[in-house]
Amino acid sequence: MSIGGMYLAVINAVGFGIFGYDKWCAVHHQWRVPEKTLIAAALLGGSVGAYAGMKVFRHKTRHPKFSVGLPVILAAQCAAAVMLRFL
């Protein structure tokens, strides 16, 4: 696996884990993960993991910033990957 592939695997696992951790914190009335951190994980390449975490943990699904924003980030990253592949 290339360095880029390893990076994407790690950042997506982190994005997924952050959503799970934030959901756990919400249920247990603990300090929460800032929304900026959740979005940053997606923007840094972890959009697949963040989106999967949102769906699996049913967390932040009613917030347009996440229910619309994460799929937009994911689509933009997929488009960028396709463009880079063919350049």
PDB file of N, CA and C in Angstrom:
ATOM      1  N   MET A   1       0.859  -1.173   0.000  1.00  0.00           N
ATOM      2  CA  MET A   1       0.000   0.000   0.000  1.00  0.00           C
ATOM      3  C   MET A   1       0.903   1.234   0.000  1.00  0.00           C
ATOM      4  N   SER A   2       0.511   2.220  -0.769  1.00  0.00           N
ATOM      5  CA  SER A   2       1.302   3.443  -0.857  1.00  0.00           C
ATOM      6  C   SER A   2       1.105   4.308   0.383  1.00  0.00           C
ATOM      7  N   ILE A   3       1.966   5.300   0.511  1.00  0.00           N
ATOM      8  CA  ILE A   3       1.844   6.247   1.630  1.00  0.00           C
ATOM      9  C   ILE A   3       0.493   6.953   1.581  1.00  0.00           C
ATOM     10  N   GLY A   4       0.070   7.350   0.381  1.00  0.00           N
ATOM     11  CA  GLY A   4      -1.231   8.014   0.230  1.00  0.00           C
ATOM     12  C   GLY A   4      -2.376   7.111   0.640  1.00  0.00           C
ATOM     13  N   GLY A   5      -2.285   5.843   0.263  1.00  0.00           N
ATOM     14  CA  GLY A   5      -3.312   4.882   0.642  1.00  0.00           C
ATOM     15  C   GLY A   5      -3.365   4.654   2.144  1.00  0.00           C
ATOM     16  N   MET A   6      -2.183   4.593   2.759  1.00  0.00           N
ATOM     17  CA  MET A   6      -2.140   4.434   4.214  1.00  0.00           C
ATOM     18  C   MET A   6      -2.722   5.657   4.911  1.00  0.00           C
ATOM     19  N   TYR A   7      -2.384   6.846   4.387  1.00  0.00           N
ATOM     20  CA  TYR A   7      -2.930   8.077   4.963  1.00  0.00           C
ATOM     21  C   TYR A   7      -4.456   8.057   4.907  1.00  0.00           C
ATOM     22  N   LEU A   8      -4.995   7.725   3.729  1.00  0.00           N
ATOM     23  CA  LEU A   8      -6.453   7.707   3.589  1.00  0.00           C
ATOM     24  C   LEU A   8      -7.098   6.678   4.506  1.00  0.00           C
ATOM     25  N   ALA A   9      -6.470   5.512   4.661  1.00  0.00           N
ATOM     26  CA  ALA A   9      -7.007   4.493   5.566  1.00  0.00           C
ATOM     27  C   ALA A   9      -7.042   5.010   7.003  1.00  0.00           C
ATOM     28  N   VAL A  10      -5.957   5.647   7.417  1.00  0.00           N
ATOM     29  CA  VAL A  10      -5.879   6.151   8.800  1.00  0.00           C
ATOM     30  C   VAL A  10      -6.855   7.297   9.026  1.00  0.00           C
ATOM     31  N   ILE A  11      -6.884   8.282   8.114  1.00  0.00           N
ATOM     32  CA  ILE A  11      -7.749   9.451   8.334  1.00  0.00           C
ATOM     33  C   ILE A  11      -9.221   9.062   8.274  1.00  0.00           C
ATOM     34  N   ASN A  12      -9.571   8.074   7.461  1.00  0.00           N
ATOM     35  CA  ASN A  12     -10.960   7.616   7.423  1.00  0.00           C
ATOM     36  C   ASN A  12     -11.322   6.849   8.690  1.00  0.00           C
ATOM     37  N   ALA A  13     -10.386   6.064   9.211  1.00  0.00           N
ATOM     38  CA  ALA A  13     -10.630   5.380  10.488  1.00  0.00           C
ATOM     39  C   ALA A  13     -10.783   6.396  11.615  1.00  0.00           C
ATOM     40  N   VAL A  14      -9.966   7.441  11.572  1.00  0.00           N
ATOM     41  CA  VAL A  14     -10.062   8.510  12.582  1.00  0.00           C
ATOM     42  C   VAL A  14     -11.410   9.216  12.466  1.00  0.00           C
ATOM     43  N   GLY A  15     -11.817   9.557  11.240  1.00  0.00           N
ATOM     44  CA  GLY A  15     -13.112  10.213  11.040  1.00  0.00           C
ATOM     45  C   GLY A  15     -14.258   9.374  11.563  1.00  0.00           C
ATOM     46  N   PHE A  16     -14.226   8.088  11.263  1.00  0.00           N
ATOM     47  CA  PHE A  16     -15.258   7.172  11.758  1.00  0.00           C
ATOM     48  C   PHE A  16     -15.242   7.125  13.283  1.00  0.00           C
ATOM     49  N   GLY A  17     -14.055   6.993  13.845  1.00  0.00           N
ATOM     50  CA  GLY A  17     -13.919   6.901  15.297  1.00  0.00           C
ATOM     51  C   GLY A  17     -14.348   8.162  16.022  1.00  0.00           C
ATOM     52  N   ILE A  18     -14.067   9.311  15.444  1.00  0.00           N
ATOM     53  CA  ILE A  18     -14.457  10.577  16.078  1.00  0.00           C
ATOM     54  C   ILE A  18     -15.977  10.680  16.165  1.00  0.00           C
ATOM     55  N   PHE A  19     -16.667  10.274  15.115  1.00  0.00           N
ATOM     56  CA  PHE A  19     -18.134  10.304  15.167  1.00  0.00           C
ATOM     57  C   PHE A  19     -18.662   9.345  16.224  1.00  0.00           C
ATOM     58  N   GLY A  20     -18.054   8.167  16.317  1.00  0.00           N
ATOM     59  CA  GLY A  20     -18.470   7.215  17.345  1.00  0.00           C
ATOM     60  C   GLY A  20     -18.206   7.730  18.749  1.00  0.00           C
ATOM     61  N   TYR A  21     -17.044   8.338  18.932  1.00  0.00           N
ATOM     62  CA  TYR A  21     -16.694   8.883  20.239  1.00  0.00           C
ATOM     63  C   TYR A  21     -17.615  10.033  20.620  1.00  0.00           C
ATOM     64  N   ASP A  22     -17.912  10.914  19.661  1.00  0.00           N
ATOM     65  CA  ASP A  22     -18.791  12.048  19.954  1.00  0.00           C
ATOM     66  C   ASP A  22     -20.197  11.570  20.293  1.00  0.00           C
ATOM     67  N   LYS A  23     -20.664  10.532  19.618  1.00  0.00           N
ATOM     68  CA  LYS A  23     -21.979   9.970  19.946  1.00  0.00           C
ATOM     69  C   LYS A  23     -21.964   9.408  21.358  1.00  0.00           C
ATOM     70  N   TRP A  24     -20.896   8.690  21.715  1.00  0.00           N
ATOM     71  CA  TRP A  24     -20.777   8.152  23.070  1.00  0.00           C
ATOM     72  C   TRP A  24     -20.805   9.280  24.101  1.00  0.00           C
ATOM     73  N   CYS A  25     -20.069  10.350  23.811  1.00  0.00           N
ATOM     74  CA  CYS A  25     -20.044  11.500  24.725  1.00  0.00           C
ATOM     75  C   CYS A  25     -21.426  12.126  24.858  1.00  0.00           C
ATOM     76  N   ALA A  26     -22.158  12.216  23.747  1.00  0.00           N
ATOM     77  CA  ALA A  26     -23.502  12.796  23.784  1.00  0.00           C
ATOM     78  C   ALA A  26     -24.432  11.962  24.654  1.00  0.00           C
ATOM     79  N   VAL A  27     -24.369  10.664  24.517  1.00  0.00           N
ATOM     80  CA  VAL A  27     -25.238   9.766  25.285  1.00  0.00           C
ATOM     81  C   VAL A  27     -24.891   9.808  26.765  1.00  0.00           C
ATOM     82  N   HIS A  28     -23.595   9.940  27.080  1.00  0.00           N
ATOM     83  CA  HIS A  28     -23.141   9.905  28.476  1.00  0.00           C
ATOM     84  C   HIS A  28     -22.934  11.291  29.080  1.00  0.00           C
ATOM     85  N   HIS A  29     -23.438  12.327  28.421  1.00  0.00           N
ATOM     86  CA  HIS A  29     -23.375  13.700  28.927  1.00  0.00           C
ATOM     87  C   HIS A  29     -21.959  14.129  29.295  1.00  0.00           C
ATOM     88  N   GLN A  30     -21.026  13.819  28.403  1.00  0.00           N
ATOM     89  CA  GLN A  30     -19.628  14.197  28.580  1.00  0.00           C
ATOM     90  C   GLN A  30     -19.294  15.356  27.649  1.00  0.00           C
ATOM     91  N   TRP A  31     -18.070  15.894  27.801  1.00  0.00           N
ATOM     92  CA  TRP A  31     -17.602  16.929  26.894  1.00  0.00           C
ATOM     93  C   TRP A  31     -17.619  16.387  25.479  1.00  0.00           C
ATOM     94  N   ARG A  32     -18.081  17.227  24.545  1.00  0.00           N
ATOM     95  CA  ARG A  32     -18.267  16.797  23.155  1.00  0.00           C
ATOM     96  C   ARG A  32     -17.094  17.203  22.274  1.00  0.00           C
ATOM     97  N   VAL A  33     -16.986  16.525  21.159  1.00  0.00           N
ATOM     98  CA  VAL A  33     -16.000  16.863  20.133  1.00  0.00           C
ATOM     99  C   VAL A  33     -16.537  18.087  19.380  1.00  0.00           C
ATOM    100  N   PRO A  34     -15.735  19.134  19.221  1.00  0.00           N
ATOM    101  CA  PRO A  34     -16.220  20.309  18.480  1.00  0.00           C
ATOM    102  C   PRO A  34     -16.608  19.945  17.046  1.00  0.00           C
ATOM    103  N   GLU A  35     -17.661  20.595  16.544  1.00  0.00           N
ATOM    104  CA  GLU A  35     -18.107  20.334  15.175  1.00  0.00           C
ATOM    105  C   GLU A  35     -17.003  20.644  14.175  1.00  0.00           C
ATOM    106  N   LYS A  36     -16.171  21.635  14.471  1.00  0.00           N
ATOM    107  CA  LYS A  36     -15.047  21.966  13.588  1.00  0.00           C
ATOM    108  C   LYS A  36     -14.127  20.762  13.414  1.00  0.00           C
ATOM    109  N   THR A  37     -13.932  20.003  14.468  1.00  0.00           N
ATOM    110  CA  THR A  37     -13.062  18.823  14.410  1.00  0.00           C
ATOM    111  C   THR A  37     -13.690  17.737  13.544  1.00  0.00           C
ATOM    112  N   LEU A  38     -14.995  17.548  13.669  1.00  0.00           N
ATOM    113  CA  LEU A  38     -15.692  16.551  12.867  1.00  0.00           C
ATOM    114  C   LEU A  38     -15.597  16.900  11.379  1.00  0.00           C
ATOM    115  N   ILE A  39     -15.820  18.161  11.049  1.00  0.00           N
ATOM    116  CA  ILE A  39     -15.741  18.615   9.658  1.00  0.00           C
ATOM    117  C   ILE A  39     -14.293  18.544   9.170  1.00  0.00           C
ATOM    118  N   ALA A  40     -13.340  18.916  10.017  1.00  0.00           N
ATOM    119  CA  ALA A  40     -11.925  18.901   9.624  1.00  0.00           C
ATOM    120  C   ALA A  40     -11.478  17.494   9.246  1.00  0.00           C
ATOM    121  N   ALA A  41     -11.927  16.502   9.987  1.00  0.00           N
ATOM    122  CA  ALA A  41     -11.563  15.118   9.661  1.00  0.00           C
ATOM    123  C   ALA A  41     -12.032  14.760   8.252  1.00  0.00           C
ATOM    124  N   ALA A  42     -13.216  15.208   7.887  1.00  0.00           N
ATOM    125  CA  ALA A  42     -13.731  14.947   6.539  1.00  0.00           C
ATOM    126  C   ALA A  42     -12.932  15.726   5.497  1.00  0.00           C
ATOM    127  N   LEU A  43     -12.658  16.983   5.768  1.00  0.00           N
ATOM    128  CA  LEU A  43     -11.934  17.817   4.814  1.00  0.00           C
ATOM    129  C   LEU A  43     -10.503  17.337   4.591  1.00  0.00           C
ATOM    130  N   LEU A  44      -9.912  16.731   5.579  1.00  0.00           N
ATOM    131  CA  LEU A  44      -8.529  16.239   5.469  1.00  0.00           C
ATOM    132  C   LEU A  44      -8.428  14.892   4.751  1.00  0.00           C
ATOM    133  N   GLY A  45      -9.543  14.434   4.204  1.00  0.00           N
ATOM    134  CA  GLY A  45      -9.528  13.200   3.434  1.00  0.00           C
ATOM    135  C   GLY A  45     -10.337  12.077   4.044  1.00  0.00           C
ATOM    136  N   GLY A  46     -10.917  12.306   5.193  1.00  0.00           N
ATOM    137  CA  GLY A  46     -11.669  11.262   5.875  1.00  0.00           C
ATOM    138  C   GLY A  46     -13.164  11.336   5.666  1.00  0.00           C
ATOM    139  N   SER A  47     -13.590  11.813   4.503  1.00  0.00           N
ATOM    140  CA  SER A  47     -15.023  12.004   4.266  1.00  0.00           C
ATOM    141  C   SER A  47     -15.786  10.680   4.228  1.00  0.00           C
ATOM    142  N   VAL A  48     -15.185   9.633   3.705  1.00  0.00           N
ATOM    143  CA  VAL A  48     -15.862   8.334   3.664  1.00  0.00           C
ATOM    144  C   VAL A  48     -16.080   7.824   5.089  1.00  0.00           C
ATOM    145  N   GLY A  49     -15.041   7.879   5.911  1.00  0.00           N
ATOM    146  CA  GLY A  49     -15.159   7.428   7.301  1.00  0.00           C
ATOM    147  C   GLY A  49     -16.115   8.281   8.108  1.00  0.00           C
ATOM    148  N   ALA A  50     -16.058   9.597   7.903  1.00  0.00           N
ATOM    149  CA  ALA A  50     -16.951  10.503   8.636  1.00  0.00           C
ATOM    150  C   ALA A  50     -18.404  10.239   8.252  1.00  0.00           C
ATOM    151  N   TYR A  51     -18.650  10.085   6.940  1.00  0.00           N
ATOM    152  CA  TYR A  51     -20.016   9.821   6.482  1.00  0.00           C
ATOM    153  C   TYR A  51     -20.509   8.475   7.014  1.00  0.00           C
ATOM    154  N   ALA A  52     -19.643   7.473   6.956  1.00  0.00           N
ATOM    155  CA  ALA A  52     -20.016   6.155   7.482  1.00  0.00           C
ATOM    156  C   ALA A  52     -20.293   6.230   8.981  1.00  0.00           C
ATOM    157  N   GLY A  53     -19.462   6.982   9.717  1.00  0.00           N
ATOM    158  CA  GLY A  53     -19.684   7.147  11.151  1.00  0.00           C
ATOM    159  C   GLY A  53     -21.000   7.842  11.452  1.00  0.00           C
ATOM    160  N   MET A  54     -21.323   8.846  10.643  1.00  0.00           N
ATOM    161  CA  MET A  54     -22.585   9.570  10.826  1.00  0.00           C
ATOM    162  C   MET A  54     -23.763   8.596  10.654  1.00  0.00           C
ATOM    163  N   LYS A  55     -23.681   7.736   9.645  1.00  0.00           N
ATOM    164  CA  LYS A  55     -24.774   6.793   9.375  1.00  0.00           C
ATOM    165  C   LYS A  55     -24.811   5.647  10.389  1.00  0.00           C
ATOM    166  N   VAL A  56     -23.660   5.041  10.660  1.00  0.00           N
ATOM    167  CA  VAL A  56     -23.608   3.883  11.563  1.00  0.00           C
ATOM    168  C   VAL A  56     -24.042   4.269  12.975  1.00  0.00           C
ATOM    169  N   PHE A  57     -23.541   5.396  13.474  1.00  0.00           N
ATOM    170  CA  PHE A  57     -23.849   5.808  14.846  1.00  0.00           C
ATOM    171  C   PHE A  57     -25.109   6.665  14.929  1.00  0.00           C
ATOM    172  N   ARG A  58     -25.739   6.928  13.769  1.00  0.00           N
ATOM    173  CA  ARG A  58     -26.929   7.797  13.702  1.00  0.00           C
ATOM    174  C   ARG A  58     -26.686   9.073  14.500  1.00  0.00           C
ATOM    175  N   HIS A  59     -25.611   9.747  14.127  1.00  0.00           N
ATOM    176  CA  HIS A  59     -25.162  10.923  14.855  1.00  0.00           C
ATOM    177  C   HIS A  59     -25.022  12.105  13.905  1.00  0.00           C
ATOM    178  N   LYS A  60     -25.606  13.227  14.253  1.00  0.00           N
ATOM    179  CA  LYS A  60     -25.562  14.462  13.470  1.00  0.00           C
ATOM    180  C   LYS A  60     -26.353  14.361  12.170  1.00  0.00           C
ATOM    181  N   THR A  61     -27.260  13.411  12.076  1.00  0.00           N
ATOM    182  CA  THR A  61     -27.995  13.200  10.832  1.00  0.00           C
ATOM    183  C   THR A  61     -29.064  14.263  10.590  1.00  0.00           C
ATOM    184  N   ARG A  62     -29.458  14.994  11.598  1.00  0.00           N
ATOM    185  CA  ARG A  62     -30.485  16.037  11.443  1.00  0.00           C
ATOM    186  C   ARG A  62     -29.882  17.415  11.216  1.00  0.00           C
ATOM    187  N   HIS A  63     -28.571  17.514  11.271  1.00  0.00           N
ATOM    188  CA  HIS A  63     -27.884  18.788  11.081  1.00  0.00           C
ATOM    189  C   HIS A  63     -27.489  18.927   9.614  1.00  0.00           C
ATOM    190  N   PRO A  64     -28.045  19.925   8.908  1.00  0.00           N
ATOM    191  CA  PRO A  64     -27.708  20.086   7.483  1.00  0.00           C
ATOM    192  C   PRO A  64     -26.209  20.232   7.233  1.00  0.00           C
ATOM    193  N   LYS A  65     -25.503  20.820   8.191  1.00  0.00           N
ATOM    194  CA  LYS A  65     -24.052  20.965   8.047  1.00  0.00           C
ATOM    195  C   LYS A  65     -23.402  19.606   7.817  1.00  0.00           C
ATOM    196  N   PHE A  66     -23.986  18.569   8.380  1.00  0.00           N
ATOM    197  CA  PHE A  66     -23.433  17.224   8.248  1.00  0.00           C
ATOM    198  C   PHE A  66     -24.206  16.386   7.220  1.00  0.00           C
ATOM    199  N   SER A  67     -25.537  16.415   7.282  1.00  0.00           N
ATOM    200  CA  SER A  67     -26.328  15.577   6.374  1.00  0.00           C
ATOM    201  C   SER A  67     -26.191  16.000   4.919  1.00  0.00           C
ATOM    202  N   VAL A  68     -25.915  17.269   4.684  1.00  0.00           N
ATOM    203  CA  VAL A  68     -25.671  17.770   3.326  1.00  0.00           C
ATOM    204  C   VAL A  68     -24.175  17.987   3.108  1.00  0.00           C
ATOM    205  N   GLY A  69     -23.517  18.550   4.105  1.00  0.00           N
ATOM    206  CA  GLY A  69     -22.115  18.917   3.964  1.00  0.00           C
ATOM    207  C   GLY A  69     -21.170  17.752   3.735  1.00  0.00           C
ATOM    208  N   LEU A  70     -21.343  16.661   4.477  1.00  0.00           N
ATOM    209  CA  LEU A  70     -20.443  15.521   4.308  1.00  0.00           C
ATOM    210  C   LEU A  70     -20.569  14.879   2.924  1.00  0.00           C
ATOM    211  N   PRO A  71     -21.790  14.679   2.399  1.00  0.00           N
ATOM    212  CA  PRO A  71     -21.859  14.145   1.035  1.00  0.00           C
ATOM    213  C   PRO A  71     -21.258  15.094  -0.010  1.00  0.00           C
ATOM    214  N   VAL A  72     -21.381  16.410   0.209  1.00  0.00           N
ATOM    215  CA  VAL A  72     -20.778  17.372  -0.722  1.00  0.00           C
ATOM    216  C   VAL A  72     -19.253  17.279  -0.668  1.00  0.00           C
ATOM    217  N   ILE A  73     -18.704  17.187   0.528  1.00  0.00           N
ATOM    218  CA  ILE A  73     -17.250  17.040   0.676  1.00  0.00           C
ATOM    219  C   ILE A  73     -16.796  15.741   0.017  1.00  0.00           C
ATOM    220  N   LEU A  74     -17.529  14.664   0.253  1.00  0.00           N
ATOM    221  CA  LEU A  74     -17.195  13.367  -0.339  1.00  0.00           C
ATOM    222  C   LEU A  74     -17.228  13.439  -1.864  1.00  0.00           C
ATOM    223  N   ALA A  75     -18.259  14.046  -2.422  1.00  0.00           N
ATOM    224  CA  ALA A  75     -18.369  14.162  -3.886  1.00  0.00           C
ATOM    225  C   ALA A  75     -17.227  14.999  -4.449  1.00  0.00           C
ATOM    226  N   ALA A  76     -16.883  16.092  -3.764  1.00  0.00           N
ATOM    227  CA  ALA A  76     -15.782  16.945  -4.223  1.00  0.00           C
ATOM    228  C   ALA A  76     -14.459  16.193  -4.183  1.00  0.00           C
ATOM    229  N   GLN A  77     -14.249  15.408  -3.141  1.00  0.00           N
ATOM    230  CA  GLN A  77     -13.007  14.644  -3.036  1.00  0.00           C
ATOM    231  C   GLN A  77     -12.949  13.537  -4.082  1.00  0.00           C
ATOM    232  N   CYS A  78     -14.072  12.916  -4.371  1.00  0.00           N
ATOM    233  CA  CYS A  78     -14.100  11.892  -5.430  1.00  0.00           C
ATOM    234  C   CYS A  78     -13.828  12.520  -6.790  1.00  0.00           C
ATOM    235  N   ALA A  79     -14.429  13.680  -7.046  1.00  0.00           N
ATOM    236  CA  ALA A  79     -14.193  14.376  -8.313  1.00  0.00           C
ATOM    237  C   ALA A  79     -12.727  14.780  -8.443  1.00  0.00           C
ATOM    238  N   ALA A  80     -12.145  15.257  -7.360  1.00  0.00           N
ATOM    239  CA  ALA A  80     -10.728  15.646  -7.386  1.00  0.00           C
ATOM    240  C   ALA A  80      -9.841  14.428  -7.638  1.00  0.00           C
ATOM    241  N   ALA A  81     -10.179  13.301  -7.037  1.00  0.00           N
ATOM    242  CA  ALA A  81      -9.391  12.078  -7.238  1.00  0.00           C
ATOM    243  C   ALA A  81      -9.465  11.619  -8.698  1.00  0.00           C
ATOM    244  N   VAL A  82     -10.653  11.688  -9.275  1.00  0.00           N
ATOM    245  CA  VAL A  82     -10.803  11.303 -10.678  1.00  0.00           C
ATOM    246  C   VAL A  82     -10.010  12.252 -11.574  1.00  0.00           C
ATOM    247  N   MET A  83     -10.099  13.537 -11.301  1.00  0.00           N
ATOM    248  CA  MET A  83      -9.375  14.522 -12.107  1.00  0.00           C
ATOM    249  C   MET A  83      -7.859  14.294 -11.996  1.00  0.00           C
ATOM    250  N   LEU A  84      -7.370  14.054 -10.796  1.00  0.00           N
ATOM    251  CA  LEU A  84      -5.948  13.801 -10.608  1.00  0.00           C
ATOM    252  C   LEU A  84      -5.503  12.526 -11.312  1.00  0.00           C
ATOM    253  N   ARG A  85      -6.370  11.545 -11.323  1.00  0.00           N
ATOM    254  CA  ARG A  85      -6.043  10.260 -11.951  1.00  0.00           C
ATOM    255  C   ARG A  85      -5.838  10.419 -13.455  1.00  0.00           C
ATOM    256  N   PHE A  86      -6.614  11.288 -14.067  1.00  0.00           N
ATOM    257  CA  PHE A  86      -6.557  11.430 -15.513  1.00  0.00           C
ATOM    258  C   PHE A  86      -5.741  12.622 -15.991  1.00  0.00           C
ATOM    259  N   LEU A  87      -5.049  13.286 -15.107  1.00  0.00           N
ATOM    260  CA  LEU A  87      -4.181  14.405 -15.518  1.00  0.00           C
ATOM    261  C   LEU A  87      -2.775  13.945 -15.746  1.00  0.00           C
TER     262      LEU A  87
END
